[in-house]
Every structure is written in C-alpha cells, then in structure tokens.
Amino acid sequence: MTNVSRQAISKWEVGSTYPDIDRLVQISNLFDITLDSLIKGDDSLKKSIVITKNAKAQTNVWEFMRSTGWMMVIAIIYLVTKMIIAVFS
C-alpha cells in the first residue's frame, strides 16, 4: 500500500493539500490509471498547478554571483590578496 494516514487523505479530499509526485505515481499504479488521467481528472488540482513560462529562466554566471553575494566575496578576497602581496613585496 502507500502508507498514507487518514488525515493526509482527508486533506487531499478537501483540497487543503495534494499528494507529492511519488505518492501520485504509487496511487496511479495502485488503481492502474495513468498519471495524466489521475491529475487531469481533478479540475481543482489542475487549477492549483501553476506553470510559469519565464523567457529568462536561465541565469548566467555573473548574474547568479551578483544576486547571491558571491561578487562581494570575490572582490574582498581579491583586495585582501593584493594587500598581502603589497605588504610582503
């Protein structure tokens, strides 16, 4: 079986939560139906699934480094290295 609690199933039934993808695969295998029919058969589930089409989904390296603060870390390491080299030269 799928080892799902009654509380979890109750939440699925009222629509407050939905099963994760692994659980959906188990349910589709158990009832011998496709994932497509399992998911698309539930209109409220279809409405809750949001797929965004972001043309700029891929981030280049420099943009990632700037947004996560890595550029600052690299700049500080560079400056400290330059000062150490200047002191010991």
C-alpha atoms as a PDB file:
ATOM      1  CA  MET A   1       0.000   0.000   0.000  1.00  0.00           C
ATOM      2  CA  THR A   2       1.080   3.643   0.063  1.00  0.00           C
ATOM      3  CA  ASN A   3       1.404   4.154   3.858  1.00  0.00           C
ATOM      4  CA  VAL A   4      -0.743   7.287   3.926  1.00  0.00           C
ATOM      5  CA  SER A   5      -2.530   8.454   7.058  1.00  0.00           C
ATOM      6  CA  ARG A   6      -6.265   9.038   7.168  1.00  0.00           C
ATOM      7  CA  GLN A   7      -5.557  12.683   7.981  1.00  0.00           C
ATOM      8  CA  ALA A   8      -3.465  13.107   4.820  1.00  0.00           C
ATOM      9  CA  ILE A   9      -6.190  11.570   2.667  1.00  0.00           C
ATOM     10  CA  SER A  10      -8.769  13.802   4.324  1.00  0.00           C
ATOM     11  CA  LYS A  11      -6.654  16.875   3.461  1.00  0.00           C
ATOM     12  CA  TRP A  12      -6.404  15.675  -0.142  1.00  0.00           C
ATOM     13  CA  GLU A  13     -10.167  15.204  -0.292  1.00  0.00           C
ATOM     14  CA  VAL A  14     -10.973  18.695   0.970  1.00  0.00           C
ATOM     15  CA  GLY A  15      -8.276  20.238  -1.209  1.00  0.00           C
ATOM     16  CA  SER A  16      -6.127  21.773   1.535  1.00  0.00           C
ATOM     17  CA  THR A  17      -3.095  19.758   0.352  1.00  0.00           C
ATOM     18  CA  TYR A  18      -2.217  17.445  -2.506  1.00  0.00           C
ATOM     19  CA  PRO A  19      -0.064  14.321  -2.651  1.00  0.00           C
ATOM     20  CA  ASP A  20       3.552  14.638  -3.751  1.00  0.00           C
ATOM     21  CA  ILE A  21       4.643  13.240  -7.114  1.00  0.00           C
ATOM     22  CA  ASP A  22       5.979   9.991  -5.651  1.00  0.00           C
ATOM     23  CA  ARG A  23       2.653   9.370  -3.943  1.00  0.00           C
ATOM     24  CA  LEU A  24       0.782  10.180  -7.170  1.00  0.00           C
ATOM     25  CA  VAL A  25       2.839   7.552  -9.000  1.00  0.00           C
ATOM     26  CA  GLN A  26       2.015   4.996  -6.304  1.00  0.00           C
ATOM     27  CA  ILE A  27      -1.701   5.838  -6.487  1.00  0.00           C
ATOM     28  CA  SER A  28      -1.718   5.628 -10.287  1.00  0.00           C
ATOM     29  CA  ASN A  29      -0.031   2.215 -10.113  1.00  0.00           C
ATOM     30  CA  LEU A  30      -2.414   1.018  -7.410  1.00  0.00           C
ATOM     31  CA  PHE A  31      -5.523   1.935  -9.421  1.00  0.00           C
ATOM     32  CA  ASP A  32      -3.918   1.105 -12.786  1.00  0.00           C
ATOM     33  CA  ILE A  33      -4.565   4.535 -14.302  1.00  0.00           C
ATOM     34  CA  THR A  34      -2.198   6.970 -15.960  1.00  0.00           C
ATOM     35  CA  LEU A  35      -0.833   9.978 -14.132  1.00  0.00           C
ATOM     36  CA  ASP A  36      -2.410  12.110 -16.827  1.00  0.00           C
ATOM     37  CA  SER A  37      -5.908  10.849 -16.109  1.00  0.00           C
ATOM     38  CA  LEU A  38      -5.270  10.937 -12.366  1.00  0.00           C
ATOM     39  CA  ILE A  39      -4.234  14.590 -12.383  1.00  0.00           C
ATOM     40  CA  LYS A  40      -6.333  15.927 -15.241  1.00  0.00           C
ATOM     41  CA  GLY A  41      -9.417  14.203 -13.900  1.00  0.00           C
ATOM     42  CA  ASP A  42      -9.420  16.588 -10.914  1.00  0.00           C
ATOM     43  CA  ASP A  43     -10.347  20.128 -12.023  1.00  0.00           C
ATOM     44  CA  SER A  44      -9.375  21.737  -8.701  1.00  0.00           C
ATOM     45  CA  LEU A  45      -5.956  20.084  -8.871  1.00  0.00           C
ATOM     46  CA  LYS A  46      -5.465  21.326 -12.435  1.00  0.00           C
ATOM     47  CA  LYS A  47      -6.289  24.872 -11.307  1.00  0.00           C
ATOM     48  CA  SER A  48      -3.818  24.707  -8.400  1.00  0.00           C
ATOM     49  CA  ILE A  49      -0.910  23.668 -10.655  1.00  0.00           C
ATOM     50  CA  VAL A  50       0.770  26.818 -11.896  1.00  0.00           C
ATOM     51  CA  ILE A  51       3.277  26.649 -14.711  1.00  0.00           C
ATOM     52  CA  THR A  52       5.104  29.864 -15.386  1.00  0.00           C
ATOM     53  CA  LYS A  53       6.699  30.477 -18.728  1.00  0.00           C
ATOM     54  CA  ASN A  54       9.686  32.608 -17.935  1.00  0.00           C
ATOM     55  CA  ALA A  55      11.698  33.500 -21.009  1.00  0.00           C
ATOM     56  CA  LYS A  56      14.664  34.362 -18.804  1.00  0.00           C
ATOM     57  CA  ALA A  57      14.646  31.137 -16.797  1.00  0.00           C
ATOM     58  CA  GLN A  58      18.352  30.539 -17.263  1.00  0.00           C
ATOM     59  CA  THR A  59      20.648  32.737 -15.225  1.00  0.00           C
ATOM     60  CA  ASN A  60      24.151  33.428 -16.369  1.00  0.00           C
ATOM     61  CA  VAL A  61      27.096  33.013 -14.002  1.00  0.00           C
ATOM     62  CA  TRP A  62      27.674  36.718 -13.385  1.00  0.00           C
ATOM     63  CA  GLU A  63      24.007  37.360 -12.645  1.00  0.00           C
ATOM     64  CA  PHE A  64      23.931  34.450 -10.197  1.00  0.00           C
ATOM     65  CA  MET A  65      27.093  35.634  -8.450  1.00  0.00           C
ATOM     66  CA  ARG A  66      25.765  39.188  -8.178  1.00  0.00           C
ATOM     67  CA  SER A  67      22.371  38.119  -6.839  1.00  0.00           C
ATOM     68  CA  THR A  68      23.791  35.720  -4.243  1.00  0.00           C
ATOM     69  CA  GLY A  69      26.584  37.976  -2.971  1.00  0.00           C
ATOM     70  CA  TRP A  70      29.470  35.970  -4.399  1.00  0.00           C
ATOM     71  CA  MET A  71      30.762  39.005  -6.316  1.00  0.00           C
ATOM     72  CA  MET A  72      31.319  40.786  -2.998  1.00  0.00           C
ATOM     73  CA  VAL A  73      33.154  37.787  -1.554  1.00  0.00           C
ATOM     74  CA  ILE A  74      35.396  37.545  -4.602  1.00  0.00           C
ATOM     75  CA  ALA A  75      36.091  41.289  -4.503  1.00  0.00           C
ATOM     76  CA  ILE A  76      37.061  41.127  -0.823  1.00  0.00           C
ATOM     77  CA  ILE A  77      39.344  38.127  -1.415  1.00  0.00           C
ATOM     78  CA  TYR A  78      40.949  39.955  -4.335  1.00  0.00           C
ATOM     79  CA  LEU A  79      41.560  43.109  -2.270  1.00  0.00           C
ATOM     80  CA  VAL A  80      42.954  41.191   0.707  1.00  0.00           C
ATOM     81  CA  THR A  81      45.257  39.234  -1.592  1.00  0.00           C
ATOM     82  CA  LYS A  82      46.502  42.447  -3.219  1.00  0.00           C
ATOM     83  CA  MET A  83      47.198  43.987   0.217  1.00  0.00           C
ATOM     84  CA  ILE A  84      49.109  40.899   1.391  1.00  0.00           C
ATOM     85  CA  ILE A  85      51.188  40.918  -1.791  1.00  0.00           C
ATOM     86  CA  ALA A  86      51.880  44.648  -1.373  1.00  0.00           C
ATOM     87  CA  VAL A  87      52.944  44.206   2.267  1.00  0.00           C
ATOM     88  CA  PHE A  88      55.322  41.316   1.576  1.00  0.00           C
ATOM     89  CA  SER A  89      56.814  42.676  -1.669  1.00  0.00           C
END
